Amino acid sequence: MRKWKDNISFVLVEPKKHGNIGASARAMKNMGFKNLCFVRPPHILTDEAGWYAHNSLDILENAEQYDTIADAVAQNTLVVGVARRIGKKRGVVLPVDEGARRILEFSAGSNNKVALLFGREDRGLNNSEVDECGFVMTIPSNKEHPSLNLSHAVMVVAYELSMSGRREHDKTERCMGAGMSRADKKSVSHGELTSLYERIAEVLTLLDYLPRGDRDIKQHIMSNIKHFLGRAGLTDWELKMLHGICSQAQKKLNL
């Protein structure tokens, strides 16, 4: 069961405080995770970050840095946001324990990689960034003081994932003892879905399902489609099938 942890990346979007950067690395290593990514961070290998990392400097030294979220998640098959703010425009929102179970089930496939997006200390993830996520996880907290420190959120998520892994490990051992096994489903990357979303938008426009000139409704519909397909975990065959359907629809509609 250790392999699934290698399939998960913690992506910190524009963190500002070096203490949070180091403490996040420590939290990850405490729970057995190693893949840390940054989107437009400050210099990460500072003395302060090292102090807070406490024997987890290797996590920081091996961390990857990107200029955009799209680049950071392109090779992942599922993108999950971690956010406090919820609403109709934010798609499916799950409590962290339920989200952790879904992530574990998905990442157990040897080629299914998951990116966990953590927003900025002061304003979290914006709506356009949440649109890139299959679903959003939220950490239940005191309504009078609901906002968690970034590194604390990383620890809570890492802990819930680790505990889900332990429970699943026990369950798998029981199933294997009864002669049962788990199917290994390989899903396409987040980057490969981008062209599919564009094809779907083109077909829906041809069908007059997407109202021309009304950007708000078009964005709302496409956001829902992206959330749905983003958390489905499409296989390569399913991706090709949907592209084929789009091609056939375009062929017929252009006659």
Protein backbone atom coordinates (compact mmCIF):
# COMPACT_ATOMS: atom_id res chain seq x y z
CA MET A 1 0.00 0.00 0.00
CA ARG A 2 3.00 2.36 0.16
CA LYS A 3 2.96 2.98 -3.60
CA TRP A 4 -0.26 5.00 -3.51
CA LYS A 5 1.41 7.70 -1.42
CA ASP A 6 3.99 8.15 -4.17
CA ASN A 7 1.11 8.97 -6.54
CA ILE A 8 0.02 12.01 -4.52
CA SER A 9 1.50 15.50 -4.83
CA PHE A 10 0.87 18.42 -2.47
CA VAL A 11 0.76 21.63 -4.53
CA LEU A 12 1.07 24.92 -2.64
CA VAL A 13 -0.16 27.87 -4.71
CA GLU A 14 1.74 31.11 -4.12
CA PRO A 15 2.66 30.53 -0.45
CA LYS A 16 4.11 33.60 1.22
CA LYS A 17 5.47 32.55 4.63
CA HIS A 18 8.65 30.48 4.84
CA GLY A 19 7.47 28.99 8.13
CA ASN A 20 4.44 27.51 6.38
CA ILE A 21 6.62 26.17 3.60
CA GLY A 22 8.91 24.35 6.01
CA ALA A 23 6.11 23.17 8.32
CA SER A 24 4.19 21.77 5.34
CA ALA A 25 7.22 19.70 4.34
CA ARG A 26 7.49 18.38 7.89
CA ALA A 27 3.79 17.48 8.01
CA MET A 28 4.09 15.57 4.75
CA LYS A 29 7.10 13.60 5.90
CA ASN A 30 5.42 12.84 9.25
CA MET A 31 2.64 11.09 7.32
CA GLY A 32 4.87 9.38 4.75
CA PHE A 33 4.41 11.65 1.70
CA LYS A 34 7.27 13.09 -0.32
CA ASN A 35 5.99 14.90 -3.44
CA LEU A 36 5.81 18.66 -2.86
CA CYS A 37 5.21 21.24 -5.61
CA PHE A 38 5.00 25.01 -5.61
CA VAL A 39 3.32 27.50 -7.92
CA ARG A 40 5.12 30.85 -7.94
CA PRO A 41 6.68 30.55 -4.46
CA PRO A 42 9.26 32.81 -2.82
CA HIS A 43 12.73 31.38 -2.37
CA ILE A 44 12.00 28.15 -0.47
CA LEU A 45 15.40 27.07 0.88
CA THR A 46 15.71 29.72 3.57
CA ASP A 47 16.93 29.30 7.15
CA GLU A 48 13.42 29.84 8.47
CA ALA A 49 11.95 27.20 6.17
CA GLY A 50 14.70 24.80 7.24
CA TRP A 51 13.99 25.37 10.94
CA TYR A 52 10.29 24.63 10.49
CA ALA A 53 10.97 21.65 8.22
CA HIS A 54 12.96 19.93 11.03
CA ASN A 55 14.63 16.91 9.43
CA SER A 56 12.45 17.24 6.32
CA LEU A 57 14.79 19.41 4.28
CA ASP A 58 14.98 16.68 1.64
CA ILE A 59 11.30 17.32 0.86
CA LEU A 60 12.08 20.98 0.14
CA GLU A 61 15.25 20.23 -1.79
CA ASN A 62 13.38 17.86 -4.11
CA ALA A 63 10.28 20.05 -4.48
CA GLU A 64 9.26 21.11 -7.99
CA GLN A 65 8.39 24.69 -8.90
CA TYR A 66 6.03 25.89 -11.64
CA ASP A 67 4.85 29.19 -13.05
CA THR A 68 1.21 28.08 -13.49
CA ILE A 69 -1.22 25.66 -11.91
CA ALA A 70 -1.85 24.13 -15.33
CA ASP A 71 1.82 23.17 -15.59
CA ALA A 72 1.89 21.87 -12.02
CA VAL A 73 -1.05 19.48 -12.50
CA ALA A 74 -0.68 18.57 -16.17
CA GLN A 75 0.67 15.05 -15.55
CA ASN A 76 -1.89 14.21 -12.86
CA THR A 77 -5.07 12.28 -13.53
CA LEU A 78 -7.10 13.85 -10.73
CA VAL A 79 -6.87 17.35 -9.24
CA VAL A 80 -8.46 18.02 -5.85
CA GLY A 81 -8.75 21.44 -4.24
CA VAL A 82 -8.54 22.08 -0.50
CA ALA A 83 -10.61 25.12 0.42
CA ARG A 84 -12.65 26.69 3.19
CA ARG A 85 -15.07 28.64 0.99
CA ILE A 86 -17.84 26.59 -0.62
CA GLY A 87 -20.68 27.48 -2.96
CA LYS A 88 -22.64 26.47 -6.05
CA LYS A 89 -19.84 27.61 -8.36
CA ARG A 90 -17.31 25.35 -6.62
CA GLY A 91 -18.69 22.03 -7.82
CA VAL A 92 -18.73 18.96 -5.59
CA VAL A 93 -17.49 19.72 -2.05
CA LEU A 94 -16.68 16.85 0.32
CA PRO A 95 -15.58 16.76 3.95
CA VAL A 96 -11.91 15.88 4.19
CA ASP A 97 -12.43 12.32 5.48
CA GLU A 98 -14.73 11.38 2.60
CA GLY A 99 -12.46 13.11 0.11
CA ALA A 100 -9.47 11.19 1.47
CA ARG A 101 -11.25 7.88 0.90
CA ARG A 102 -11.98 8.79 -2.72
CA ILE A 103 -8.40 9.91 -3.30
CA LEU A 104 -7.06 6.69 -1.82
CA GLU A 105 -9.28 4.56 -4.04
CA PHE A 106 -8.22 6.51 -7.10
CA SER A 107 -4.48 6.70 -6.35
CA ALA A 108 -4.26 2.97 -5.68
CA GLY A 109 -4.04 2.53 -9.45
CA SER A 110 -0.33 2.43 -10.18
CA ASN A 111 -0.48 5.16 -12.85
CA ASN A 112 -3.19 7.34 -11.35
CA LYS A 113 -1.57 10.47 -9.98
CA VAL A 114 -3.38 12.99 -7.79
CA ALA A 115 -2.57 16.66 -7.21
CA LEU A 116 -3.85 18.33 -4.04
CA LEU A 117 -4.15 22.11 -4.46
CA PHE A 118 -3.71 24.32 -1.38
CA GLY A 119 -4.45 28.01 -1.81
CA ARG A 120 -2.75 31.15 -0.56
CA GLU A 121 -2.56 31.95 3.14
CA ASP A 122 -4.64 35.13 2.78
CA ARG A 123 -7.24 34.24 0.13
CA GLY A 124 -7.09 30.55 -0.72
CA LEU A 125 -8.00 29.30 -4.20
CA ASN A 126 -10.04 31.47 -6.56
CA ASN A 127 -12.98 30.18 -8.61
CA SER A 128 -11.02 29.73 -11.83
CA GLU A 129 -8.48 27.58 -9.97
CA VAL A 130 -11.23 25.50 -8.39
CA ASP A 131 -12.57 24.93 -11.92
CA GLU A 132 -9.48 22.81 -12.57
CA CYS A 133 -10.47 20.42 -9.76
CA GLY A 134 -12.55 17.27 -9.96
CA PHE A 135 -13.85 18.05 -6.49
CA VAL A 136 -13.01 20.17 -3.46
CA MET A 137 -12.29 19.01 0.09
CA THR A 138 -13.10 21.14 3.09
CA ILE A 139 -11.96 20.74 6.69
CA PRO A 140 -14.81 21.20 9.21
CA SER A 141 -13.83 23.85 11.74
CA ASN A 142 -15.22 26.33 14.26
CA LYS A 143 -17.60 28.75 12.51
CA GLU A 144 -16.30 31.59 14.65
CA HIS A 145 -12.75 31.01 13.44
CA PRO A 146 -12.90 28.71 10.37
CA SER A 147 -9.67 29.55 8.52
CA LEU A 148 -6.78 27.13 9.10
CA ASN A 149 -3.10 27.91 8.81
CA LEU A 150 -1.71 26.53 5.54
CA SER A 151 0.64 24.01 7.13
CA HIS A 152 -2.11 22.88 9.52
CA ALA A 153 -4.39 22.18 6.55
CA VAL A 154 -1.59 20.17 4.93
CA MET A 155 -1.21 18.11 8.12
CA VAL A 156 -4.95 17.42 8.44
CA VAL A 157 -5.22 16.27 4.83
CA ALA A 158 -2.05 14.16 5.05
CA TYR A 159 -3.30 12.57 8.27
CA GLU A 160 -6.74 11.75 6.86
CA LEU A 161 -5.14 10.20 3.77
CA SER A 162 -2.75 8.17 5.90
CA MET A 163 -5.56 6.89 8.13
CA SER A 164 -7.67 5.96 5.10
CA GLY A 165 -4.67 4.05 3.79
CA ARG A 166 -4.33 2.10 7.02
CA ARG A 167 -7.99 1.15 7.02
CA GLU A 168 -7.85 0.13 3.36
CA HIS A 169 -4.70 -1.90 3.97
CA ASP A 170 -6.49 -3.92 6.64
CA LYS A 171 -9.50 -4.33 4.36
CA THR A 172 -7.34 -5.43 1.41
CA GLU A 173 -5.57 -8.05 3.48
CA ARG A 174 -8.95 -9.50 4.46
CA CYS A 175 -10.12 -9.47 0.85
CA MET A 176 -6.94 -11.13 -0.42
CA GLY A 177 -7.39 -13.78 2.22
CA ALA A 178 -10.80 -14.46 0.71
CA GLY A 179 -9.36 -14.68 -2.82
CA MET A 180 -10.45 -11.18 -3.94
CA SER A 181 -8.35 -8.57 -5.78
CA ARG A 182 -8.55 -4.91 -6.81
CA ALA A 183 -8.68 -3.82 -10.48
CA ASP A 184 -5.95 -1.40 -11.53
CA LYS A 185 -7.46 1.29 -13.72
CA LYS A 186 -5.10 3.64 -15.57
CA SER A 187 -6.56 7.10 -16.19
CA VAL A 188 -5.49 9.86 -18.57
CA SER A 189 -3.72 12.96 -17.28
CA HIS A 190 -5.34 16.30 -16.49
CA GLY A 191 -3.44 17.87 -19.38
CA GLU A 192 -4.95 15.40 -21.85
CA LEU A 193 -8.45 16.45 -20.81
CA THR A 194 -7.91 20.07 -21.88
CA SER A 195 -8.38 19.38 -25.60
CA LEU A 196 -11.47 17.28 -24.82
CA TYR A 197 -13.07 20.19 -22.97
CA GLU A 198 -12.42 22.40 -26.01
CA ARG A 199 -14.02 19.82 -28.34
CA ILE A 200 -17.07 19.48 -26.11
CA ALA A 201 -17.49 23.27 -25.98
CA GLU A 202 -17.32 23.43 -29.78
CA VAL A 203 -19.96 20.72 -30.21
CA LEU A 204 -22.29 22.21 -27.62
CA THR A 205 -21.99 25.59 -29.36
CA LEU A 206 -22.90 23.99 -32.70
CA LEU A 207 -25.91 22.40 -31.01
CA ASP A 208 -26.90 25.82 -29.62
CA TYR A 209 -26.75 24.27 -26.14
CA LEU A 210 -24.20 26.87 -25.12
CA PRO A 211 -25.88 30.25 -25.63
CA ARG A 212 -23.84 32.43 -27.92
CA GLY A 213 -22.70 35.68 -26.31
CA ASP A 214 -23.64 34.66 -22.76
CA ARG A 215 -20.24 33.99 -21.21
CA ASP A 216 -21.58 33.44 -17.68
CA ILE A 217 -23.90 30.57 -18.61
CA LYS A 218 -21.30 29.05 -20.94
CA GLN A 219 -18.68 29.16 -18.18
CA HIS A 220 -21.13 27.64 -15.67
CA ILE A 221 -22.01 24.73 -17.97
CA MET A 222 -18.40 24.02 -18.89
CA SER A 223 -17.33 24.24 -15.25
CA ASN A 224 -19.86 21.54 -14.36
CA ILE A 225 -18.63 19.34 -17.22
CA LYS A 226 -15.01 19.80 -16.15
CA HIS A 227 -15.84 18.94 -12.53
CA PHE A 228 -17.72 15.81 -13.64
CA LEU A 229 -15.11 14.49 -16.05
CA GLY A 230 -12.23 15.64 -13.85
CA ARG A 231 -13.29 13.39 -10.98
CA ALA A 232 -14.41 10.49 -13.21
CA GLY A 233 -10.87 9.33 -13.99
CA LEU A 234 -11.24 8.64 -17.72
CA THR A 235 -9.25 5.82 -19.29
CA ASP A 236 -7.42 6.32 -22.59
CA TRP A 237 -10.13 4.34 -24.39
CA GLU A 238 -12.88 6.47 -22.84
CA LEU A 239 -11.05 9.66 -23.82
CA LYS A 240 -10.73 8.48 -27.43
CA MET A 241 -14.40 7.47 -27.44
CA LEU A 242 -15.53 10.93 -26.34
CA HIS A 243 -13.27 12.58 -28.93
CA GLY A 244 -14.81 10.24 -31.51
CA ILE A 245 -18.33 11.22 -30.49
CA CYS A 246 -17.39 14.89 -30.79
CA SER A 247 -15.86 14.29 -34.23
CA GLN A 248 -18.97 12.47 -35.46
CA ALA A 249 -21.26 15.18 -34.12
CA GLN A 250 -19.18 17.90 -35.80
CA LYS A 251 -19.21 15.95 -39.06
CA LYS A 252 -23.00 15.63 -39.04
CA LEU A 253 -23.68 19.20 -37.91
CA ASN A 254 -21.39 20.70 -40.56
CA LEU A 255 -23.22 18.97 -43.40
